[in-house]
Amino acid sequence: MTDFNVVWKNDHECLVGLNRIFIDDNDVINFIAIGEHELEIAKKIDDVIRQLGDSIDGPVNLLIDLNNAGKSSPEARRLWQTSSDNDKSSKTALFGLHQVAKVLASFVSSFTKRKNMRFFSTREDALDWLNKQ
């Protein structure tokens, strides 16, 4: 079990360990994933994303930066699958060039019921897709 802190910077930004989760100016929740994720930290990240999502009126888009993500435990991967099926979620865009990120993204997207989840190579491409109706 890894120790990590949950630090709220303000109402729109939180650090969970090294991971940063925040709402940008377009009401998109950004999750910058750093390192490996065991179930305990994955639950905290999911809680923070849900809290931030509850503060947004209407559907919620999620932008996930996997450039510095490591492997997630099987339990954490199962949590990511179910958390992406939240009724308030609209689109989820994942991006990152790291090979582990691509494997994680394809794994999650293949098992989720949501069809509005896509993987991109760059942040810009991911944001373009999120901003399209």
C-alpha atoms as a PDB file:
ATOM      1  CA  MET A   1       0.000   0.000   0.000  1.00  0.00           C
ATOM      2  CA  THR A   2       1.376   3.377  -1.034  1.00  0.00           C
ATOM      3  CA  ASP A   3       0.983   6.445   1.140  1.00  0.00           C
ATOM      4  CA  PHE A   4      -0.491   9.492  -0.546  1.00  0.00           C
ATOM      5  CA  ASN A   5      -2.026  12.787   0.459  1.00  0.00           C
ATOM      6  CA  VAL A   6      -5.268  14.310  -0.780  1.00  0.00           C
ATOM      7  CA  VAL A   7      -4.819  18.080  -0.932  1.00  0.00           C
ATOM      8  CA  TRP A   8      -7.571  20.411  -2.131  1.00  0.00           C
ATOM      9  CA  LYS A   9      -5.933  23.536  -3.593  1.00  0.00           C
ATOM     10  CA  ASN A  10      -9.342  25.202  -4.059  1.00  0.00           C
ATOM     11  CA  ASP A  11     -12.892  24.237  -5.104  1.00  0.00           C
ATOM     12  CA  HIS A  12     -11.697  23.354  -8.611  1.00  0.00           C
ATOM     13  CA  GLU A  13      -8.356  21.620  -8.053  1.00  0.00           C
ATOM     14  CA  CYS A  14      -7.093  18.690  -6.011  1.00  0.00           C
ATOM     15  CA  LEU A  15      -3.880  16.704  -5.740  1.00  0.00           C
ATOM     16  CA  VAL A  16      -4.152  13.002  -4.947  1.00  0.00           C
ATOM     17  CA  GLY A  17      -0.588  11.923  -4.359  1.00  0.00           C
ATOM     18  CA  LEU A  18       1.227  13.173  -7.457  1.00  0.00           C
ATOM     19  CA  ASN A  19      -1.957  13.115  -9.574  1.00  0.00           C
ATOM     20  CA  ARG A  20      -3.587  16.442 -10.382  1.00  0.00           C
ATOM     21  CA  ILE A  21      -7.329  16.775 -10.997  1.00  0.00           C
ATOM     22  CA  PHE A  22      -8.865  20.139 -11.891  1.00  0.00           C
ATOM     23  CA  ILE A  23     -11.671  21.861 -13.767  1.00  0.00           C
ATOM     24  CA  ASP A  24     -10.452  24.085 -16.600  1.00  0.00           C
ATOM     25  CA  ASP A  25     -12.058  27.269 -17.952  1.00  0.00           C
ATOM     26  CA  ASN A  26     -14.333  25.224 -20.254  1.00  0.00           C
ATOM     27  CA  ASP A  27     -15.699  23.072 -17.403  1.00  0.00           C
ATOM     28  CA  VAL A  28     -13.683  20.050 -18.534  1.00  0.00           C
ATOM     29  CA  ILE A  29     -12.309  17.894 -15.730  1.00  0.00           C
ATOM     30  CA  ASN A  30      -8.618  17.292 -16.339  1.00  0.00           C
ATOM     31  CA  PHE A  31      -6.906  14.302 -14.726  1.00  0.00           C
ATOM     32  CA  ILE A  32      -3.124  14.187 -15.002  1.00  0.00           C
ATOM     33  CA  ALA A  33      -2.190  10.631 -14.042  1.00  0.00           C
ATOM     34  CA  ILE A  34       1.253  10.113 -12.538  1.00  0.00           C
ATOM     35  CA  GLY A  35       2.757   6.728 -11.755  1.00  0.00           C
ATOM     36  CA  GLU A  36       1.124   3.445 -10.848  1.00  0.00           C
ATOM     37  CA  HIS A  37      -2.352   3.218  -9.349  1.00  0.00           C
ATOM     38  CA  GLU A  38      -3.453   0.714  -6.744  1.00  0.00           C
ATOM     39  CA  LEU A  39      -7.113   0.422  -5.738  1.00  0.00           C
ATOM     40  CA  GLU A  40      -6.842   2.766  -2.736  1.00  0.00           C
ATOM     41  CA  ILE A  41      -5.531   5.744  -4.696  1.00  0.00           C
ATOM     42  CA  ALA A  42      -7.840   4.950  -7.649  1.00  0.00           C
ATOM     43  CA  LYS A  43     -10.831   5.206  -5.285  1.00  0.00           C
ATOM     44  CA  LYS A  44      -9.665   8.609  -4.033  1.00  0.00           C
ATOM     45  CA  ILE A  45      -9.114   9.870  -7.579  1.00  0.00           C
ATOM     46  CA  ASP A  46     -12.575   8.618  -8.565  1.00  0.00           C
ATOM     47  CA  ASP A  47     -14.104  10.360  -5.526  1.00  0.00           C
ATOM     48  CA  VAL A  48     -12.427  13.655  -6.441  1.00  0.00           C
ATOM     49  CA  ILE A  49     -13.542  13.405 -10.083  1.00  0.00           C
ATOM     50  CA  ARG A  50     -17.123  12.736  -8.958  1.00  0.00           C
ATOM     51  CA  GLN A  51     -17.044  15.683  -6.507  1.00  0.00           C
ATOM     52  CA  LEU A  52     -15.735  18.005  -9.202  1.00  0.00           C
ATOM     53  CA  GLY A  53     -18.309  16.646 -11.655  1.00  0.00           C
ATOM     54  CA  ASP A  54     -21.101  17.373  -9.181  1.00  0.00           C
ATOM     55  CA  SER A  55     -20.031  21.018  -9.142  1.00  0.00           C
ATOM     56  CA  ILE A  56     -20.591  21.324 -12.912  1.00  0.00           C
ATOM     57  CA  ASP A  57     -24.070  22.010 -14.278  1.00  0.00           C
ATOM     58  CA  GLY A  58     -24.982  19.574 -17.028  1.00  0.00           C
ATOM     59  CA  PRO A  59     -22.941  16.811 -18.623  1.00  0.00           C
ATOM     60  CA  VAL A  60     -19.279  16.423 -17.715  1.00  0.00           C
ATOM     61  CA  ASN A  61     -16.367  15.919 -20.110  1.00  0.00           C
ATOM     62  CA  LEU A  62     -13.167  14.332 -18.828  1.00  0.00           C
ATOM     63  CA  LEU A  63      -9.667  14.806 -20.261  1.00  0.00           C
ATOM     64  CA  ILE A  64      -7.127  12.242 -19.026  1.00  0.00           C
ATOM     65  CA  ASP A  65      -3.386  12.792 -19.532  1.00  0.00           C
ATOM     66  CA  LEU A  66      -1.660   9.398 -19.472  1.00  0.00           C
ATOM     67  CA  ASN A  67       1.805  10.575 -20.554  1.00  0.00           C
ATOM     68  CA  ASN A  68       3.278   9.820 -17.135  1.00  0.00           C
ATOM     69  CA  ALA A  69       0.892   7.078 -16.042  1.00  0.00           C
ATOM     70  CA  GLY A  70       2.174   3.729 -14.902  1.00  0.00           C
ATOM     71  CA  LYS A  71       0.440   0.415 -14.587  1.00  0.00           C
ATOM     72  CA  SER A  72      -2.796   0.168 -12.658  1.00  0.00           C
ATOM     73  CA  SER A  73      -3.578  -2.847 -10.519  1.00  0.00           C
ATOM     74  CA  PRO A  74      -6.331  -5.194 -11.765  1.00  0.00           C
ATOM     75  CA  GLU A  75      -8.614  -3.843  -9.001  1.00  0.00           C
ATOM     76  CA  ALA A  76      -7.933  -0.242 -10.046  1.00  0.00           C
ATOM     77  CA  ARG A  77      -8.633  -1.115 -13.703  1.00  0.00           C
ATOM     78  CA  ARG A  78     -11.998  -2.600 -12.718  1.00  0.00           C
ATOM     79  CA  LEU A  79     -12.801   0.622 -10.826  1.00  0.00           C
ATOM     80  CA  TRP A  80     -11.841   2.756 -13.874  1.00  0.00           C
ATOM     81  CA  GLN A  81     -14.219   0.651 -15.993  1.00  0.00           C
ATOM     82  CA  THR A  82     -17.234   1.186 -13.742  1.00  0.00           C
ATOM     83  CA  SER A  83     -16.475   4.822 -12.908  1.00  0.00           C
ATOM     84  CA  SER A  84     -16.517   5.760 -16.587  1.00  0.00           C
ATOM     85  CA  ASP A  85     -20.150   4.622 -16.794  1.00  0.00           C
ATOM     86  CA  ASN A  86     -21.370   7.532 -14.640  1.00  0.00           C
ATOM     87  CA  ASP A  87     -24.682   8.946 -15.930  1.00  0.00           C
ATOM     88  CA  LYS A  88     -23.405  12.532 -15.725  1.00  0.00           C
ATOM     89  CA  SER A  89     -20.394  11.739 -17.929  1.00  0.00           C
ATOM     90  CA  SER A  90     -20.573  12.901 -21.507  1.00  0.00           C
ATOM     91  CA  LYS A  91     -17.221  12.394 -23.259  1.00  0.00           C
ATOM     92  CA  THR A  92     -13.908  11.036 -22.045  1.00  0.00           C
ATOM     93  CA  ALA A  93     -10.747  11.783 -24.021  1.00  0.00           C
ATOM     94  CA  LEU A  94      -7.527  10.037 -23.089  1.00  0.00           C
ATOM     95  CA  PHE A  95      -4.157  11.006 -24.494  1.00  0.00           C
ATOM     96  CA  GLY A  96      -0.541  10.080 -24.042  1.00  0.00           C
ATOM     97  CA  LEU A  97       2.304   8.648 -25.996  1.00  0.00           C
ATOM     98  CA  HIS A  98       3.512   6.231 -23.344  1.00  0.00           C
ATOM     99  CA  GLN A  99       2.927   2.584 -24.326  1.00  0.00           C
ATOM    100  CA  VAL A 100       1.454   1.722 -20.905  1.00  0.00           C
ATOM    101  CA  ALA A 101      -1.028   4.561 -21.403  1.00  0.00           C
ATOM    102  CA  LYS A 102      -2.172   3.134 -24.717  1.00  0.00           C
ATOM    103  CA  VAL A 103      -2.660  -0.330 -23.212  1.00  0.00           C
ATOM    104  CA  LEU A 104      -4.618   1.115 -20.270  1.00  0.00           C
ATOM    105  CA  ALA A 105      -6.786   3.253 -22.525  1.00  0.00           C
ATOM    106  CA  SER A 106      -7.612   0.410 -24.890  1.00  0.00           C
ATOM    107  CA  PHE A 107      -8.354  -1.901 -21.965  1.00  0.00           C
ATOM    108  CA  VAL A 108     -10.748   0.538 -20.297  1.00  0.00           C
ATOM    109  CA  SER A 109     -12.469   1.580 -23.527  1.00  0.00           C
ATOM    110  CA  SER A 110     -12.991  -2.025 -24.636  1.00  0.00           C
ATOM    111  CA  PHE A 111     -14.929  -2.929 -21.504  1.00  0.00           C
ATOM    112  CA  THR A 112     -16.920   0.213 -20.823  1.00  0.00           C
ATOM    113  CA  LYS A 113     -20.523   0.595 -21.923  1.00  0.00           C
ATOM    114  CA  ARG A 114     -19.811   4.185 -22.925  1.00  0.00           C
ATOM    115  CA  LYS A 115     -19.235   4.872 -26.567  1.00  0.00           C
ATOM    116  CA  ASN A 116     -18.028   8.452 -26.061  1.00  0.00           C
ATOM    117  CA  MET A 117     -14.518   7.472 -24.973  1.00  0.00           C
ATOM    118  CA  ARG A 118     -11.591   7.943 -27.345  1.00  0.00           C
ATOM    119  CA  PHE A 119      -7.805   7.796 -27.210  1.00  0.00           C
ATOM    120  CA  PHE A 120      -5.632  10.482 -28.835  1.00  0.00           C
ATOM    121  CA  SER A 121      -1.918  11.020 -29.278  1.00  0.00           C
ATOM    122  CA  THR A 122      -2.000  14.704 -28.296  1.00  0.00           C
ATOM    123  CA  ARG A 123      -3.794  16.934 -25.835  1.00  0.00           C
ATOM    124  CA  GLU A 124      -4.815  19.278 -28.656  1.00  0.00           C
ATOM    125  CA  ASP A 125      -6.548  16.506 -30.624  1.00  0.00           C
ATOM    126  CA  ALA A 126      -8.304  15.321 -27.455  1.00  0.00           C
ATOM    127  CA  LEU A 127      -9.555  18.826 -26.645  1.00  0.00           C
ATOM    128  CA  ASP A 128     -10.747  19.376 -30.233  1.00  0.00           C
ATOM    129  CA  TRP A 129     -12.863  16.220 -30.004  1.00  0.00           C
ATOM    130  CA  LEU A 130     -14.229  17.154 -26.559  1.00  0.00           C
ATOM    131  CA  ASN A 131     -15.251  20.597 -27.778  1.00  0.00           C
ATOM    132  CA  LYS A 132     -17.184  19.298 -30.791  1.00  0.00           C
ATOM    133  CA  GLN A 133     -20.907  18.797 -30.267  1.00  0.00           C
END
